N, C-alpha and C. Protein backbone atom coordinates (compact mmCIF):
# COMPACT_ATOMS: atom_id res chain seq x y z
N MET A 1 0.81 -1.19 0.00
CA MET A 1 0.00 0.00 0.00
C MET A 1 0.87 1.27 0.00
N PHE A 2 1.92 1.25 0.77
CA PHE A 2 2.79 2.42 0.85
C PHE A 2 4.09 2.22 0.08
N ASP A 3 4.11 1.24 -0.83
CA ASP A 3 5.31 0.99 -1.62
C ASP A 3 5.76 2.23 -2.38
N TRP A 4 4.83 2.96 -2.93
CA TRP A 4 5.18 4.15 -3.70
C TRP A 4 5.85 5.19 -2.81
N LEU A 5 5.40 5.31 -1.58
CA LEU A 5 6.00 6.28 -0.65
C LEU A 5 7.42 5.87 -0.27
N ILE A 6 7.60 4.60 -0.02
CA ILE A 6 8.93 4.09 0.33
C ILE A 6 9.89 4.30 -0.83
N ARG A 7 9.44 3.99 -2.06
CA ARG A 7 10.28 4.21 -3.24
C ARG A 7 10.59 5.68 -3.44
N PHE A 8 9.60 6.54 -3.24
CA PHE A 8 9.80 7.98 -3.40
C PHE A 8 10.84 8.49 -2.39
N LEU A 9 10.71 8.10 -1.14
CA LEU A 9 11.65 8.55 -0.11
C LEU A 9 13.05 8.01 -0.36
N ARG A 10 13.13 6.76 -0.81
CA ARG A 10 14.44 6.17 -1.13
C ARG A 10 15.09 6.93 -2.29
N GLN A 11 14.30 7.25 -3.32
CA GLN A 11 14.83 7.97 -4.47
C GLN A 11 15.30 9.37 -4.07
N ARG A 12 14.53 10.03 -3.24
CA ARG A 12 14.89 11.38 -2.79
C ARG A 12 16.19 11.37 -1.98
N LYS A 13 16.33 10.40 -1.10
CA LYS A 13 17.54 10.26 -0.30
C LYS A 13 18.74 9.97 -1.21
N ARG A 14 18.54 9.11 -2.21
CA ARG A 14 19.59 8.77 -3.15
C ARG A 14 20.04 9.99 -3.94
N GLU A 15 19.10 10.80 -4.41
CA GLU A 15 19.42 12.00 -5.18
C GLU A 15 20.23 13.00 -4.35
N LYS A 16 19.88 13.16 -3.09
CA LYS A 16 20.65 14.06 -2.21
C LYS A 16 22.06 13.54 -2.00
N ALA A 17 22.20 12.24 -1.80
CA ALA A 17 23.52 11.64 -1.60
C ALA A 17 24.38 11.79 -2.85
N LEU A 18 23.79 11.60 -4.03
CA LEU A 18 24.55 11.74 -5.27
C LEU A 18 24.99 13.18 -5.50
N ALA A 19 24.13 14.13 -5.15
CA ALA A 19 24.49 15.55 -5.29
C ALA A 19 25.68 15.89 -4.40
N ALA A 20 25.69 15.39 -3.19
CA ALA A 20 26.82 15.63 -2.28
C ALA A 20 28.09 14.95 -2.80
N ALA A 21 27.95 13.74 -3.33
CA ALA A 21 29.10 12.98 -3.81
C ALA A 21 29.75 13.60 -5.03
N ALA A 22 29.03 14.42 -5.76
CA ALA A 22 29.60 15.06 -6.95
C ALA A 22 30.79 15.95 -6.59
N ASN A 23 30.89 16.37 -5.34
CA ASN A 23 31.99 17.22 -4.89
C ASN A 23 33.12 16.45 -4.21
N TRP A 24 32.96 15.14 -4.06
CA TRP A 24 34.00 14.34 -3.43
C TRP A 24 35.20 14.18 -4.36
N PRO A 25 36.38 13.93 -3.81
CA PRO A 25 37.56 13.70 -4.66
C PRO A 25 37.44 12.36 -5.42
N THR A 26 38.19 12.26 -6.50
CA THR A 26 38.21 11.03 -7.28
C THR A 26 39.51 10.28 -7.07
N THR A 27 39.47 9.00 -7.33
CA THR A 27 40.66 8.16 -7.34
C THR A 27 40.39 7.01 -8.30
N THR A 28 41.45 6.28 -8.61
CA THR A 28 41.31 5.12 -9.49
C THR A 28 41.19 3.86 -8.66
N ALA A 29 40.16 3.10 -8.95
CA ALA A 29 39.95 1.81 -8.30
C ALA A 29 40.15 0.72 -9.35
N LYS A 30 40.24 -0.51 -8.88
CA LYS A 30 40.37 -1.65 -9.80
C LYS A 30 39.21 -2.62 -9.55
N LEU A 31 38.63 -3.10 -10.65
CA LEU A 31 37.52 -4.02 -10.54
C LEU A 31 37.96 -5.36 -9.98
N LEU A 32 37.06 -5.97 -9.25
CA LEU A 32 37.24 -7.33 -8.76
C LEU A 32 36.27 -8.20 -9.56
N THR A 33 35.39 -8.88 -8.92
CA THR A 33 34.43 -9.73 -9.63
C THR A 33 33.20 -8.93 -10.05
N SER A 34 32.58 -9.39 -11.12
CA SER A 34 31.35 -8.79 -11.62
C SER A 34 30.31 -9.88 -11.78
N LYS A 35 29.04 -9.49 -11.62
CA LYS A 35 27.96 -10.47 -11.77
C LYS A 35 26.71 -9.77 -12.28
N VAL A 36 25.79 -10.57 -12.80
CA VAL A 36 24.50 -10.07 -13.28
C VAL A 36 23.47 -10.25 -12.18
N LEU A 37 22.74 -9.16 -11.89
CA LEU A 37 21.73 -9.17 -10.84
C LEU A 37 20.40 -8.65 -11.39
N PRO A 38 19.29 -8.93 -10.69
CA PRO A 38 18.02 -8.30 -11.08
C PRO A 38 18.13 -6.78 -10.95
N LYS A 39 17.41 -6.09 -11.78
CA LYS A 39 17.41 -4.63 -11.79
C LYS A 39 16.96 -4.08 -10.45
N ASP A 40 17.69 -3.08 -9.95
CA ASP A 40 17.31 -2.38 -8.72
C ASP A 40 16.00 -1.63 -8.99
N LEU A 41 15.08 -1.67 -8.06
CA LEU A 41 13.79 -1.01 -8.25
C LEU A 41 13.93 0.49 -8.47
N ALA A 42 15.01 1.09 -7.98
CA ALA A 42 15.21 2.52 -8.13
C ALA A 42 15.89 2.89 -9.45
N ALA A 43 16.37 1.90 -10.19
CA ALA A 43 17.08 2.17 -11.44
C ALA A 43 16.11 2.69 -12.49
N ASP A 44 16.40 3.88 -12.99
CA ASP A 44 15.55 4.48 -14.01
C ASP A 44 15.83 3.87 -15.37
N GLY A 45 14.84 3.96 -16.23
CA GLY A 45 15.02 3.55 -17.62
C GLY A 45 14.91 2.06 -17.83
N GLY A 46 15.14 1.70 -19.07
CA GLY A 46 15.05 0.31 -19.43
C GLY A 46 13.65 -0.07 -19.85
N THR A 47 13.58 -1.08 -20.67
CA THR A 47 12.30 -1.60 -21.13
C THR A 47 11.88 -2.75 -20.23
N THR A 48 10.77 -3.35 -20.55
CA THR A 48 10.29 -4.51 -19.81
C THR A 48 11.32 -5.63 -19.85
N PHE A 49 12.03 -5.73 -20.97
CA PHE A 49 13.01 -6.80 -21.14
C PHE A 49 14.37 -6.45 -20.56
N GLN A 50 14.58 -5.21 -20.19
CA GLN A 50 15.85 -4.80 -19.58
C GLN A 50 15.69 -4.84 -18.07
N ASP A 51 15.71 -6.05 -17.54
CA ASP A 51 15.42 -6.27 -16.13
C ASP A 51 16.64 -6.76 -15.35
N ARG A 52 17.83 -6.52 -15.89
CA ARG A 52 19.06 -6.94 -15.23
C ARG A 52 20.04 -5.77 -15.17
N GLN A 53 21.00 -5.89 -14.27
CA GLN A 53 22.10 -4.94 -14.17
C GLN A 53 23.36 -5.72 -13.86
N ILE A 54 24.48 -5.19 -14.29
CA ILE A 54 25.77 -5.76 -13.90
C ILE A 54 26.22 -5.03 -12.65
N GLU A 55 26.68 -5.79 -11.68
CA GLU A 55 27.28 -5.20 -10.48
C GLU A 55 28.73 -5.66 -10.43
N ALA A 56 29.63 -4.71 -10.27
CA ALA A 56 31.06 -5.02 -10.21
C ALA A 56 31.64 -4.48 -8.92
N ALA A 57 32.28 -5.35 -8.17
CA ALA A 57 32.98 -4.93 -6.95
C ALA A 57 34.31 -4.31 -7.35
N PHE A 58 34.78 -3.35 -6.54
CA PHE A 58 36.08 -2.74 -6.79
C PHE A 58 36.78 -2.46 -5.47
N TYR A 59 38.08 -2.20 -5.59
CA TYR A 59 38.87 -1.80 -4.41
C TYR A 59 39.80 -0.67 -4.81
N PHE A 60 40.23 0.09 -3.82
CA PHE A 60 41.22 1.13 -4.03
C PHE A 60 42.00 1.32 -2.73
N THR A 61 43.16 1.94 -2.86
CA THR A 61 43.97 2.21 -1.68
C THR A 61 44.05 3.72 -1.48
N LEU A 62 44.09 4.09 -0.23
CA LEU A 62 44.19 5.50 0.13
C LEU A 62 45.04 5.58 1.39
N GLU A 63 46.16 6.25 1.30
CA GLU A 63 47.08 6.40 2.43
C GLU A 63 47.42 5.06 3.08
N GLY A 64 47.64 4.05 2.24
CA GLY A 64 48.06 2.74 2.72
C GLY A 64 46.94 1.83 3.20
N SER A 65 45.70 2.30 3.19
CA SER A 65 44.57 1.47 3.62
C SER A 65 43.74 1.06 2.39
N TYR A 66 43.14 -0.11 2.47
CA TYR A 66 42.30 -0.63 1.40
C TYR A 66 40.83 -0.32 1.67
N TYR A 67 40.12 0.08 0.63
CA TYR A 67 38.68 0.35 0.70
C TYR A 67 38.03 -0.30 -0.51
N GLY A 68 36.73 -0.42 -0.45
CA GLY A 68 36.03 -1.04 -1.57
C GLY A 68 34.63 -0.53 -1.73
N GLY A 69 34.00 -0.99 -2.77
CA GLY A 69 32.63 -0.63 -3.07
C GLY A 69 32.17 -1.41 -4.28
N HIS A 70 31.13 -0.93 -4.91
CA HIS A 70 30.63 -1.59 -6.12
C HIS A 70 29.99 -0.55 -7.03
N LEU A 71 29.91 -0.90 -8.30
CA LEU A 71 29.21 -0.06 -9.26
C LEU A 71 28.16 -0.92 -9.93
N ARG A 72 27.17 -0.25 -10.51
CA ARG A 72 26.11 -0.95 -11.25
C ARG A 72 25.93 -0.32 -12.61
N SER A 73 25.57 -1.15 -13.56
CA SER A 73 25.25 -0.66 -14.90
C SER A 73 23.83 -0.13 -14.93
N THR A 74 23.51 0.55 -16.00
CA THR A 74 22.11 0.90 -16.25
C THR A 74 21.39 -0.41 -16.60
N PRO A 75 20.05 -0.42 -16.63
CA PRO A 75 19.33 -1.66 -16.93
C PRO A 75 19.70 -2.24 -18.30
N LEU A 76 19.82 -3.56 -18.34
CA LEU A 76 20.19 -4.31 -19.54
C LEU A 76 19.30 -5.54 -19.67
N SER A 77 19.24 -6.08 -20.87
CA SER A 77 18.57 -7.37 -21.03
C SER A 77 19.50 -8.45 -20.47
N ASP A 78 18.98 -9.62 -20.20
CA ASP A 78 19.78 -10.70 -19.64
C ASP A 78 20.93 -11.07 -20.58
N SER A 79 20.63 -11.21 -21.86
CA SER A 79 21.68 -11.61 -22.81
C SER A 79 22.73 -10.51 -22.96
N GLU A 80 22.30 -9.26 -23.01
CA GLU A 80 23.24 -8.14 -23.13
C GLU A 80 24.14 -8.07 -21.90
N ALA A 81 23.56 -8.25 -20.72
CA ALA A 81 24.33 -8.21 -19.49
C ALA A 81 25.40 -9.30 -19.46
N HIS A 82 25.03 -10.51 -19.85
CA HIS A 82 26.01 -11.59 -19.84
C HIS A 82 27.08 -11.40 -20.90
N ARG A 83 26.74 -10.80 -22.03
CA ARG A 83 27.74 -10.52 -23.07
C ARG A 83 28.73 -9.47 -22.58
N LEU A 84 28.22 -8.39 -21.96
CA LEU A 84 29.09 -7.31 -21.48
C LEU A 84 29.90 -7.71 -20.26
N LEU A 85 29.37 -8.64 -19.49
CA LEU A 85 30.07 -9.12 -18.29
C LEU A 85 31.47 -9.63 -18.65
N LYS A 86 31.59 -10.26 -19.81
CA LYS A 86 32.87 -10.81 -20.25
C LYS A 86 33.89 -9.72 -20.58
N GLN A 87 33.42 -8.48 -20.76
CA GLN A 87 34.31 -7.37 -21.09
C GLN A 87 34.74 -6.56 -19.86
N LEU A 88 34.45 -7.08 -18.67
CA LEU A 88 34.82 -6.41 -17.42
C LEU A 88 35.80 -7.28 -16.64
N PRO A 89 37.05 -7.35 -17.09
CA PRO A 89 38.02 -8.22 -16.40
C PRO A 89 38.44 -7.63 -15.06
N GLU A 90 38.93 -8.51 -14.21
CA GLU A 90 39.49 -8.04 -12.94
C GLU A 90 40.65 -7.09 -13.22
N ASP A 91 40.86 -6.16 -12.33
CA ASP A 91 41.93 -5.14 -12.41
C ASP A 91 41.66 -4.05 -13.45
N LEU A 92 40.51 -4.05 -14.09
CA LEU A 92 40.17 -2.96 -15.01
C LEU A 92 40.03 -1.68 -14.19
N PRO A 93 40.74 -0.60 -14.56
CA PRO A 93 40.65 0.64 -13.77
C PRO A 93 39.31 1.35 -13.97
N VAL A 94 38.81 1.92 -12.90
CA VAL A 94 37.57 2.68 -12.92
C VAL A 94 37.74 3.89 -11.99
N THR A 95 37.22 5.02 -12.40
CA THR A 95 37.30 6.23 -11.57
C THR A 95 36.11 6.26 -10.63
N ILE A 96 36.39 6.42 -9.36
CA ILE A 96 35.33 6.46 -8.35
C ILE A 96 35.49 7.74 -7.53
N ARG A 97 34.44 8.09 -6.83
CA ARG A 97 34.48 9.21 -5.88
C ARG A 97 34.31 8.63 -4.48
N TYR A 98 35.05 9.20 -3.53
CA TYR A 98 34.96 8.72 -2.15
C TYR A 98 34.77 9.89 -1.20
N ASN A 99 34.12 9.60 -0.10
CA ASN A 99 33.89 10.59 0.94
C ASN A 99 35.19 10.73 1.74
N PRO A 100 35.83 11.91 1.73
CA PRO A 100 37.09 12.04 2.46
C PRO A 100 36.95 11.83 3.97
N ALA A 101 35.77 12.06 4.50
CA ALA A 101 35.54 11.84 5.93
C ALA A 101 35.31 10.36 6.24
N ASN A 102 34.91 9.59 5.22
CA ASN A 102 34.65 8.16 5.39
C ASN A 102 34.85 7.48 4.04
N PRO A 103 36.09 7.08 3.71
CA PRO A 103 36.37 6.51 2.38
C PRO A 103 35.61 5.23 2.06
N ASP A 104 34.94 4.63 3.05
CA ASP A 104 34.10 3.47 2.75
C ASP A 104 32.84 3.88 1.97
N GLN A 105 32.51 5.15 1.98
CA GLN A 105 31.38 5.66 1.19
C GLN A 105 31.90 6.05 -0.19
N THR A 106 31.44 5.35 -1.21
CA THR A 106 31.90 5.60 -2.57
C THR A 106 30.72 5.76 -3.51
N VAL A 107 30.98 6.45 -4.61
CA VAL A 107 29.98 6.62 -5.67
C VAL A 107 30.72 6.54 -7.00
N THR A 108 30.07 5.95 -7.98
CA THR A 108 30.62 5.94 -9.33
C THR A 108 29.66 6.69 -10.24
N PHE A 109 30.23 7.52 -11.10
CA PHE A 109 29.44 8.28 -12.08
C PHE A 109 29.90 7.90 -13.48
N ASP A 110 28.97 7.80 -14.39
CA ASP A 110 29.30 7.50 -15.77
C ASP A 110 30.16 8.61 -16.38
N THR A 111 29.89 9.85 -16.00
CA THR A 111 30.64 10.98 -16.56
C THR A 111 32.13 10.92 -16.19
N ASP A 112 32.48 10.27 -15.10
CA ASP A 112 33.89 10.12 -14.71
C ASP A 112 34.57 8.99 -15.47
N ASN A 113 33.79 8.18 -16.17
CA ASN A 113 34.33 6.97 -16.82
C ASN A 113 33.97 6.89 -18.30
N GLN A 114 33.72 7.99 -18.94
CA GLN A 114 33.35 8.00 -20.35
C GLN A 114 34.42 7.32 -21.20
N GLY A 115 34.00 6.33 -21.97
CA GLY A 115 34.91 5.67 -22.90
C GLY A 115 35.85 4.66 -22.30
N THR A 116 35.79 4.44 -21.00
CA THR A 116 36.72 3.50 -20.38
C THR A 116 36.08 2.16 -20.03
N LEU A 117 34.76 2.10 -19.99
CA LEU A 117 34.06 0.87 -19.64
C LEU A 117 33.07 0.50 -20.75
N PRO A 118 32.80 -0.80 -20.93
CA PRO A 118 31.85 -1.21 -21.97
C PRO A 118 30.39 -1.05 -21.54
N ILE A 119 30.16 -0.54 -20.33
CA ILE A 119 28.80 -0.36 -19.82
C ILE A 119 28.58 1.11 -19.46
N THR A 120 27.33 1.49 -19.38
CA THR A 120 26.97 2.80 -18.86
C THR A 120 26.70 2.61 -17.37
N ILE A 121 27.32 3.44 -16.56
CA ILE A 121 27.18 3.30 -15.10
C ILE A 121 25.92 3.98 -14.61
N TRP A 122 25.18 3.27 -13.78
CA TRP A 122 24.04 3.84 -13.06
C TRP A 122 24.62 4.38 -11.76
N PRO A 123 24.53 5.68 -11.51
CA PRO A 123 25.13 6.24 -10.30
C PRO A 123 24.62 5.54 -9.03
N SER A 124 25.55 4.99 -8.29
CA SER A 124 25.16 4.30 -7.04
C SER A 124 26.27 4.41 -6.03
């Protein structure tokens, strides 16, 4: 009954977090494993058949400490996601943004990675 309200509040919180993250510093991370997952309910776009997303874990170092996070693609069809998954090898560099007050908080933007990845990144 209140699903729409929960989704609306989640989307609003996400938009505020992404706006703040746009000012965070960037660094280069390296991909670890990637997998195909069901589309996140908050992910915009996609057709009825684009009900999957690729999620790729990554790590980076900052002042001698290791941190990590993950990125997600925009919605894809199942076959497209599995085809593109093969083009995301481990150690592939990706530009991420991190919260300097808490480097465990990371965000990836497609605009920071134009032309470097075979997928379009859904900001997360």
